[in-house]
Amino acid sequence: VFIEGVVPAISTAIQAFTKEGDAVLINTPVYPP
């Protein structure tokens, strides 16, 4: 699947597979976006 960048892809995945208030995990420190 093509998209303009990996940051829009991350946001797209968040929007498609979670809802407001759901928990999303990252390992820090990490790329700010």
Full PDB file with SEQRES, HELIX, SHEET, SSBOND, CRYST1, ORIGX, SCALE, CONECT and MASTER records, all heavy atoms in Angstrom:
SEQRES   1 A   33  VAL PHE ILE GLU GLY VAL VAL PRO ALA ILE SER THR ALA          
SEQRES   2 A   33  ILE GLN ALA PHE THR LYS GLU GLY ASP ALA VAL LEU ILE          
SEQRES   3 A   33  ASN THR PRO VAL TYR PRO PRO                                  
HELIX    1 AA1 VAL A    6  PHE A   17  1                                  12    
CRYST1    1.000    1.000    1.000  90.00  90.00  90.00 P 1           1          
ORIGX1      1.000000  0.000000  0.000000        0.00000                         
ORIGX2      0.000000  1.000000  0.000000        0.00000                         
ORIGX3      0.000000  0.000000  1.000000        0.00000                         
SCALE1      1.000000  0.000000  0.000000        0.00000                         
SCALE2      0.000000  1.000000  0.000000        0.00000                         
SCALE3      0.000000  0.000000  1.000000        0.00000                         
ATOM      1  N   VAL A   1       0.865  -1.179   0.000  1.00  0.00           N  
ATOM      2  CA  VAL A   1       0.000   0.000   0.000  1.00  0.00           C  
ATOM      3  C   VAL A   1       0.902   1.229   0.000  1.00  0.00           C  
ATOM      4  O   VAL A   1       1.880   1.278   0.748  1.00  0.00           O  
ATOM      5  CB  VAL A   1      -0.916   0.030   1.241  1.00  0.00           C  
ATOM      6  CG1 VAL A   1      -1.785   1.290   1.231  1.00  0.00           C  
ATOM      7  CG2 VAL A   1      -1.777  -1.217   1.310  1.00  0.00           C  
ATOM      8  N   PHE A   2       0.586   2.201  -0.835  1.00  0.00           N  
ATOM      9  CA  PHE A   2       1.404   3.407  -0.908  1.00  0.00           C  
ATOM     10  C   PHE A   2       0.752   4.554  -0.139  1.00  0.00           C  
ATOM     11  O   PHE A   2      -0.469   4.697  -0.102  1.00  0.00           O  
ATOM     12  CB  PHE A   2       1.607   3.837  -2.361  1.00  0.00           C  
ATOM     13  CG  PHE A   2       2.418   2.870  -3.173  1.00  0.00           C  
ATOM     14  CD1 PHE A   2       1.807   2.059  -4.115  1.00  0.00           C  
ATOM     15  CD2 PHE A   2       3.788   2.762  -2.981  1.00  0.00           C  
ATOM     16  CE1 PHE A   2       2.544   1.167  -4.873  1.00  0.00           C  
ATOM     17  CE2 PHE A   2       4.538   1.866  -3.724  1.00  0.00           C  
ATOM     18  CZ  PHE A   2       3.918   1.064  -4.673  1.00  0.00           C  
ATOM     19  N   ILE A   3       1.606   5.356   0.473  1.00  0.00           N  
ATOM     20  CA  ILE A   3       1.158   6.556   1.175  1.00  0.00           C  
ATOM     21  C   ILE A   3       2.319   7.536   1.140  1.00  0.00           C  
ATOM     22  O   ILE A   3       3.454   7.157   0.820  1.00  0.00           O  
ATOM     23  CB  ILE A   3       0.720   6.213   2.623  1.00  0.00           C  
ATOM     24  CG1 ILE A   3      -0.105   7.347   3.242  1.00  0.00           C  
ATOM     25  CG2 ILE A   3       1.929   5.858   3.485  1.00  0.00           C  
ATOM     26  CD1 ILE A   3      -0.794   6.941   4.558  1.00  0.00           C  
ATOM     27  N   GLU A   4       2.078   8.805   1.462  1.00  0.00           N  
ATOM     28  CA  GLU A   4       3.127   9.801   1.255  1.00  0.00           C  
ATOM     29  C   GLU A   4       4.271   9.733   2.263  1.00  0.00           C  
ATOM     30  O   GLU A   4       5.348  10.270   2.010  1.00  0.00           O  
ATOM     31  CB  GLU A   4       2.531  11.221   1.240  1.00  0.00           C  
ATOM     32  CG  GLU A   4       1.976  11.696   2.563  1.00  0.00           C  
ATOM     33  CD  GLU A   4       0.493  11.441   2.708  1.00  0.00           C  
ATOM     34  OE1 GLU A   4       0.000  10.404   2.229  1.00  0.00           O  
ATOM     35  OE2 GLU A   4      -0.188  12.294   3.322  1.00  0.00           O  
ATOM     36  N   GLY A   5       4.085   9.094   3.402  1.00  0.00           N  
ATOM     37  CA  GLY A   5       5.169   9.026   4.379  1.00  0.00           C  
ATOM     38  C   GLY A   5       4.855   8.053   5.500  1.00  0.00           C  
ATOM     39  O   GLY A   5       3.692   7.663   5.690  1.00  0.00           O  
ATOM     40  N   VAL A   6       5.876   7.688   6.271  1.00  0.00           N  
ATOM     41  CA  VAL A   6       5.630   6.743   7.364  1.00  0.00           C  
ATOM     42  C   VAL A   6       4.856   7.395   8.511  1.00  0.00           C  
ATOM     43  O   VAL A   6       4.100   6.715   9.210  1.00  0.00           O  
ATOM     44  CB  VAL A   6       6.945   6.114   7.886  1.00  0.00           C  
ATOM     45  CG1 VAL A   6       7.634   5.310   6.810  1.00  0.00           C  
ATOM     46  CG2 VAL A   6       7.876   7.147   8.472  1.00  0.00           C  
ATOM     47  N   VAL A   7       5.026   8.685   8.728  1.00  0.00           N  
ATOM     48  CA  VAL A   7       4.270   9.339   9.798  1.00  0.00           C  
ATOM     49  C   VAL A   7       2.769   9.360   9.473  1.00  0.00           C  
ATOM     50  O   VAL A   7       1.946   8.998  10.323  1.00  0.00           O  
ATOM     51  CB  VAL A   7       4.812  10.751  10.080  1.00  0.00           C  
ATOM     52  CG1 VAL A   7       3.927  11.470  11.097  1.00  0.00           C  
ATOM     53  CG2 VAL A   7       6.247  10.682  10.603  1.00  0.00           C  
ATOM     54  N   PRO A   8       2.367   9.745   8.256  1.00  0.00           N  
ATOM     55  CA  PRO A   8       0.950   9.590   7.913  1.00  0.00           C  
ATOM     56  C   PRO A   8       0.470   8.142   8.028  1.00  0.00           C  
ATOM     57  O   PRO A   8      -0.686   7.896   8.387  1.00  0.00           O  
ATOM     58  CB  PRO A   8       0.889  10.075   6.458  1.00  0.00           C  
ATOM     59  CG  PRO A   8       2.012  11.035   6.338  1.00  0.00           C  
ATOM     60  CD  PRO A   8       3.106  10.462   7.189  1.00  0.00           C  
ATOM     61  N   ALA A   9       1.348   7.187   7.741  1.00  0.00           N  
ATOM     62  CA  ALA A   9       0.968   5.778   7.863  1.00  0.00           C  
ATOM     63  C   ALA A   9       0.699   5.411   9.315  1.00  0.00           C  
ATOM     64  O   ALA A   9      -0.240   4.653   9.621  1.00  0.00           O  
ATOM     65  CB  ALA A   9       2.063   4.887   7.287  1.00  0.00           C  
ATOM     66  N   ILE A  10       1.515   5.928  10.234  1.00  0.00           N  
ATOM     67  CA  ILE A  10       1.296   5.664  11.660  1.00  0.00           C  
ATOM     68  C   ILE A  10      -0.042   6.240  12.099  1.00  0.00           C  
ATOM     69  O   ILE A  10      -0.845   5.573  12.780  1.00  0.00           O  
ATOM     70  CB  ILE A  10       2.448   6.247  12.492  1.00  0.00           C  
ATOM     71  CG1 ILE A  10       3.734   5.447  12.236  1.00  0.00           C  
ATOM     72  CG2 ILE A  10       2.110   6.231  13.984  1.00  0.00           C  
ATOM     73  CD1 ILE A  10       4.986   6.090  12.810  1.00  0.00           C  
ATOM     74  N   SER A  11      -0.315   7.471  11.704  1.00  0.00           N  
ATOM     75  CA  SER A  11      -1.593   8.093  12.058  1.00  0.00           C  
ATOM     76  C   SER A  11      -2.770   7.340  11.450  1.00  0.00           C  
ATOM     77  O   SER A  11      -3.815   7.162  12.089  1.00  0.00           O  
ATOM     78  CB  SER A  11      -1.629   9.551  11.600  1.00  0.00           C  
ATOM     79  OG  SER A  11      -0.854  10.370  12.448  1.00  0.00           O  
ATOM     80  N   THR A  12      -2.592   6.866  10.220  1.00  0.00           N  
ATOM     81  CA  THR A  12      -3.654   6.106   9.556  1.00  0.00           C  
ATOM     82  C   THR A  12      -3.950   4.820  10.320  1.00  0.00           C  
ATOM     83  O   THR A  12      -5.118   4.447  10.517  1.00  0.00           O  
ATOM     84  CB  THR A  12      -3.261   5.785   8.109  1.00  0.00           C  
ATOM     85  OG1 THR A  12      -3.076   7.012   7.387  1.00  0.00           O  
ATOM     86  CG2 THR A  12      -4.340   4.961   7.412  1.00  0.00           C  
ATOM     87  N   ALA A  13      -2.910   4.120  10.755  1.00  0.00           N  
ATOM     88  CA  ALA A  13      -3.098   2.891  11.524  1.00  0.00           C  
ATOM     89  C   ALA A  13      -3.793   3.172  12.856  1.00  0.00           C  
ATOM     90  O   ALA A  13      -4.677   2.424  13.280  1.00  0.00           O  
ATOM     91  CB  ALA A  13      -1.752   2.213  11.764  1.00  0.00           C  
ATOM     92  N   ILE A  14      -3.392   4.246  13.510  1.00  0.00           N  
ATOM     93  CA  ILE A  14      -4.027   4.625  14.775  1.00  0.00           C  
ATOM     94  C   ILE A  14      -5.508   4.888  14.562  1.00  0.00           C  
ATOM     95  O   ILE A  14      -6.366   4.427  15.328  1.00  0.00           O  
ATOM     96  CB  ILE A  14      -3.325   5.865  15.370  1.00  0.00           C  
ATOM     97  CG1 ILE A  14      -1.919   5.495  15.862  1.00  0.00           C  
ATOM     98  CG2 ILE A  14      -4.151   6.455  16.517  1.00  0.00           C  
ATOM     99  CD1 ILE A  14      -1.072   6.689  16.262  1.00  0.00           C  
ATOM    100  N   GLN A  15      -5.837   5.628  13.514  1.00  0.00           N  
ATOM    101  CA  GLN A  15      -7.234   5.971  13.235  1.00  0.00           C  
ATOM    102  C   GLN A  15      -8.056   4.754  12.819  1.00  0.00           C  
ATOM    103  O   GLN A  15      -9.229   4.634  13.174  1.00  0.00           O  
ATOM    104  CB  GLN A  15      -7.274   7.038  12.134  1.00  0.00           C  
ATOM    105  CG  GLN A  15      -6.692   8.376  12.558  1.00  0.00           C  
ATOM    106  CD  GLN A  15      -6.264   9.232  11.383  1.00  0.00           C  
ATOM    107  OE1 GLN A  15      -6.488   8.891  10.222  1.00  0.00           O  
ATOM    108  NE2 GLN A  15      -5.612  10.361  11.667  1.00  0.00           N  
ATOM    109  N   ALA A  16      -7.437   3.853  12.076  1.00  0.00           N  
ATOM    110  CA  ALA A  16      -8.176   2.710  11.537  1.00  0.00           C  
ATOM    111  C   ALA A  16      -8.410   1.610  12.567  1.00  0.00           C  
ATOM    112  O   ALA A  16      -9.427   0.902  12.491  1.00  0.00           O  
ATOM    113  CB  ALA A  16      -7.429   2.133  10.333  1.00  0.00           C  
ATOM    114  N   PHE A  17      -7.489   1.449  13.532  1.00  0.00           N  
ATOM    115  CA  PHE A  17      -7.537   0.265  14.386  1.00  0.00           C  
ATOM    116  C   PHE A  17      -7.673   0.552  15.879  1.00  0.00           C  
ATOM    117  O   PHE A  17      -7.653  -0.370  16.691  1.00  0.00           O  
ATOM    118  CB  PHE A  17      -6.301  -0.592  14.134  1.00  0.00           C  
ATOM    119  CG  PHE A  17      -6.213  -1.069  12.713  1.00  0.00           C  
ATOM    120  CD1 PHE A  17      -5.374  -0.441  11.802  1.00  0.00           C  
ATOM    121  CD2 PHE A  17      -6.999  -2.120  12.267  1.00  0.00           C  
ATOM    122  CE1 PHE A  17      -5.308  -0.854  10.483  1.00  0.00           C  
ATOM    123  CE2 PHE A  17      -6.944  -2.546  10.947  1.00  0.00           C  
ATOM    124  CZ  PHE A  17      -6.100  -1.914  10.053  1.00  0.00           C  
ATOM    125  N   THR A  18      -7.802   1.821  16.228  1.00  0.00           N  
ATOM    126  CA  THR A  18      -8.076   2.168  17.619  1.00  0.00           C  
ATOM    127  C   THR A  18      -9.155   3.242  17.646  1.00  0.00           C  
ATOM    128  O   THR A  18      -9.466   3.852  16.622  1.00  0.00           O  
ATOM    129  CB  THR A  18      -6.820   2.696  18.341  1.00  0.00           C  
ATOM    130  OG1 THR A  18      -6.421   3.956  17.757  1.00  0.00           O  
ATOM    131  CG2 THR A  18      -5.661   1.706  18.240  1.00  0.00           C  
ATOM    132  N   LYS A  19      -9.682   3.463  18.820  1.00  0.00           N  
ATOM    133  CA  LYS A  19     -10.655   4.549  18.978  1.00  0.00           C  
ATOM    134  C   LYS A  19     -10.140   5.514  20.038  1.00  0.00           C  
ATOM    135  O   LYS A  19      -9.179   5.219  20.762  1.00  0.00           O  
ATOM    136  CB  LYS A  19     -12.028   3.999  19.364  1.00  0.00           C  
ATOM    137  CG  LYS A  19     -12.089   3.212  20.644  1.00  0.00           C  
ATOM    138  CD  LYS A  19     -13.499   2.690  20.884  1.00  0.00           C  
ATOM    139  CE  LYS A  19     -13.626   1.965  22.222  1.00  0.00           C  
ATOM    140  NZ  LYS A  19     -12.803   0.731  22.275  1.00  0.00           N  
ATOM    141  N   GLU A  20     -10.753   6.681  20.129  1.00  0.00           N  
ATOM    142  CA  GLU A  20     -10.308   7.688  21.088  1.00  0.00           C  
ATOM    143  C   GLU A  20     -10.266   7.096  22.491  1.00  0.00           C  
ATOM    144  O   GLU A  20     -11.194   6.412  22.925  1.00  0.00           O  
ATOM    145  CB  GLU A  20     -11.222   8.911  21.058  1.00  0.00           C  
ATOM    146  CG  GLU A  20     -11.040   9.763  19.810  1.00  0.00           C  
ATOM    147  CD  GLU A  20     -11.726  11.112  19.924  1.00  0.00           C  
ATOM    148  OE1 GLU A  20     -12.070  11.515  21.065  1.00  0.00           O  
ATOM    149  OE2 GLU A  20     -11.906  11.778  18.884  1.00  0.00           O  
ATOM    150  N   GLY A  21      -9.157   7.357  23.184  1.00  0.00           N  
ATOM    151  CA  GLY A  21      -8.980   6.846  24.535  1.00  0.00           C  
ATOM    152  C   GLY A  21      -8.253   5.514  24.609  1.00  0.00           C  
ATOM    153  O   GLY A  21      -7.806   5.115  25.692  1.00  0.00           O  
ATOM    154  N   ASP A  22      -8.130   4.807  23.485  1.00  0.00           N  
ATOM    155  CA  ASP A  22      -7.395   3.535  23.483  1.00  0.00           C  
ATOM    156  C   ASP A  22      -5.908   3.776  23.726  1.00  0.00           C  
ATOM    157  O   ASP A  22      -5.362   4.824  23.372  1.00  0.00           O  
ATOM    158  CB  ASP A  22      -7.576   2.810  22.149  1.00  0.00           C  
ATOM    159  CG  ASP A  22      -8.890   2.055  22.054  1.00  0.00           C  
ATOM    160  OD1 ASP A  22      -9.568   1.926  23.082  1.00  0.00           O  
ATOM    161  OD2 ASP A  22      -9.226   1.594  20.944  1.00  0.00           O  
ATOM    162  N   ALA A  23      -5.260   2.775  24.294  1.00  0.00           N  
ATOM    163  CA  ALA A  23      -3.836   2.889  24.614  1.00  0.00           C  
ATOM    164  C   ALA A  23      -2.968   2.458  23.436  1.00  0.00           C  
ATOM    165  O   ALA A  23      -3.181   1.394  22.845  1.00  0.00           O  
ATOM    166  CB  ALA A  23      -3.508   2.053  25.840  1.00  0.00           C  
ATOM    167  N   VAL A  24      -1.987   3.295  23.117  1.00  0.00           N  
ATOM    168  CA  VAL A  24      -0.994   3.009  22.068  1.00  0.00           C  
ATOM    169  C   VAL A  24       0.388   3.105  22.711  1.00  0.00           C  
ATOM    170  O   VAL A  24       0.708   4.097  23.363  1.00  0.00           O  
ATOM    171  CB  VAL A  24      -1.107   3.999  20.893  1.00  0.00           C  
ATOM    172  CG1 VAL A  24      -0.039   3.701  19.846  1.00  0.00           C  
ATOM    173  CG2 VAL A  24      -2.501   3.939  20.273  1.00  0.00           C  
ATOM    174  N   LEU A  25       1.213   2.077  22.526  1.00  0.00           N  
ATOM    175  CA  LEU A  25       2.507   1.995  23.211  1.00  0.00           C  
ATOM    176  C   LEU A  25       3.665   2.301  22.276  1.00  0.00           C  
ATOM    177  O   LEU A  25       3.671   1.883  21.110  1.00  0.00           O  
ATOM    178  CB  LEU A  25       2.677   0.603  23.820  1.00  0.00           C  
ATOM    179  CG  LEU A  25       3.939   0.346  24.650  1.00  0.00           C  
ATOM    180  CD1 LEU A  25       3.625  -0.539  25.851  1.00  0.00           C  
ATOM    181  CD2 LEU A  25       5.050  -0.297  23.801  1.00  0.00           C  
ATOM    182  N   ILE A  26       4.654   3.019  22.802  1.00  0.00           N  
ATOM    183  CA  ILE A  26       5.907   3.275  22.093  1.00  0.00           C  
ATOM    184  C   ILE A  26       7.065   3.024  23.065  1.00  0.00           C  
ATOM    185  O   ILE A  26       6.885   3.072  24.280  1.00  0.00           O  
ATOM    186  CB  ILE A  26       5.980   4.719  21.550  1.00  0.00           C  
ATOM    187  CG1 ILE A  26       5.935   5.738  22.699  1.00  0.00           C  
ATOM    188  CG2 ILE A  26       4.862   4.973  20.550  1.00  0.00           C  
ATOM    189  CD1 ILE A  26       6.100   7.194  22.247  1.00  0.00           C  
ATOM    190  N   ASN A  27       8.246   2.750  22.519  1.00  0.00           N  
ATOM    191  CA  ASN A  27       9.454   2.619  23.339  1.00  0.00           C  
ATOM    192  C   ASN A  27      10.204   3.939  23.313  1.00  0.00           C  
ATOM    193  O   ASN A  27      10.574   4.418  22.241  1.00  0.00           O  
ATOM    194  CB  ASN A  27      10.373   1.522  22.794  1.00  0.00           C  
ATOM    195  CG  ASN A  27       9.708   0.170  22.675  1.00  0.00           C  
ATOM    196  OD1 ASN A  27       9.501  -0.326  21.573  1.00  0.00           O  
ATOM    197  ND2 ASN A  27       9.380  -0.441  23.791  1.00  0.00           N  
ATOM    198  N   THR A  28      10.454   4.528  24.470  1.00  0.00           N  
ATOM    199  CA  THR A  28      11.130   5.819  24.518  1.00  0.00           C  
ATOM    200  C   THR A  28      12.534   5.676  25.079  1.00  0.00           C  
ATOM    201  O   THR A  28      12.800   4.775  25.867  1.00  0.00           O  
ATOM    202  CB  THR A  28      10.334   6.812  25.380  1.00  0.00           C  
ATOM    203  OG1 THR A  28      10.151   6.269  26.683  1.00  0.00           O  
ATOM    204  CG2 THR A  28       8.983   7.117  24.763  1.00  0.00           C  
ATOM    205  N   PRO A  29      13.452   6.583  24.651  1.00  0.00           N  
ATOM    206  CA  PRO A  29      13.250   7.707  23.735  1.00  0.00           C  
ATOM    207  C   PRO A  29      13.067   7.220  22.297  1.00  0.00           C  
ATOM    208  O   PRO A  29      13.640   6.200  21.913  1.00  0.00           O  
ATOM    209  CB  PRO A  29      14.548   8.513  23.870  1.00  0.00           C  
ATOM    210  CG  PRO A  29      15.571   7.482  24.256  1.00  0.00           C  
ATOM    211  CD  PRO A  29      14.859   6.507  25.127  1.00  0.00           C  
ATOM    212  N   VAL A  30      12.282   7.979  21.528  1.00  0.00           N  
ATOM    213  CA  VAL A  30      12.000   7.552  20.162  1.00  0.00           C  
ATOM    214  C   VAL A  30      11.630   8.758  19.307  1.00  0.00           C  
ATOM    215  O   VAL A  30      11.303   9.834  19.821  1.00  0.00           O  
ATOM    216  CB  VAL A  30      10.881   6.487  20.144  1.00  0.00           C  
ATOM    217  CG1 VAL A  30       9.507   7.132  20.397  1.00  0.00           C  
ATOM    218  CG2 VAL A  30      10.876   5.681  18.842  1.00  0.00           C  
ATOM    219  N   TYR A  31      11.693   8.560  18.003  1.00  0.00           N  
ATOM    220  CA  TYR A  31      11.353   9.562  16.991  1.00  0.00           C  
ATOM    221  C   TYR A  31      10.101  10.342  17.407  1.00  0.00           C  
ATOM    222  O   TYR A  31       9.037   9.756  17.627  1.00  0.00           O  
ATOM    223  CB  TYR A  31      11.139   8.819  15.684  1.00  0.00           C  
ATOM    224  CG  TYR A  31      10.815   9.639  14.463  1.00  0.00           C  
ATOM    225  CD1 TYR A  31      11.563  10.756  14.119  1.00  0.00           C  
ATOM    226  CD2 TYR A  31       9.775   9.255  13.616  1.00  0.00           C  
ATOM    227  CE1 TYR A  31      11.267  11.481  12.980  1.00  0.00           C  
ATOM    228  CE2 TYR A  31       9.476   9.975  12.471  1.00  0.00           C  
ATOM    229  CZ  TYR A  31      10.225  11.093  12.160  1.00  0.00           C  
ATOM    230  OH  TYR A  31       9.935  11.809  11.025  1.00  0.00           O  
ATOM    231  N   PRO A  32      10.198  11.680  17.552  1.00  0.00           N  
ATOM    232  CA  PRO A  32       9.117  12.487  18.121  1.00  0.00           C  
ATOM    233  C   PRO A  32       7.723  12.311  17.515  1.00  0.00           C  
ATOM    234  O   PRO A  32       6.730  12.348  18.260  1.00  0.00           O  
ATOM    235  CB  PRO A  32       9.629  13.925  17.943  1.00  0.00           C  
ATOM    236  CG  PRO A  32      11.110  13.786  17.950  1.00  0.00           C  
ATOM    237  CD  PRO A  32      11.405  12.486  17.256  1.00  0.00           C  
ATOM    238  N   PRO A  33       7.569  12.134  16.182  1.00  0.00           N  
ATOM    239  CA  PRO A  33       6.211  11.992  15.647  1.00  0.00           C  
ATOM    240  C   PRO A  33       5.429  10.780  16.165  1.00  0.00           C  
ATOM    241  O   PRO A  33       4.211  10.740  16.023  1.00  0.00           O  
ATOM    242  CB  PRO A  33       6.443  11.887  14.134  1.00  0.00           C  
ATOM    243  CG  PRO A  33       7.699  12.654  13.905  1.00  0.00           C  
ATOM    244  CD  PRO A  33       8.554  12.312  15.087  1.00  0.00           C  
TER     245      PRO A  33                                                      
MASTER        0    0    0    1    0    0    0    6  244    1    0    3          
END                                                                             
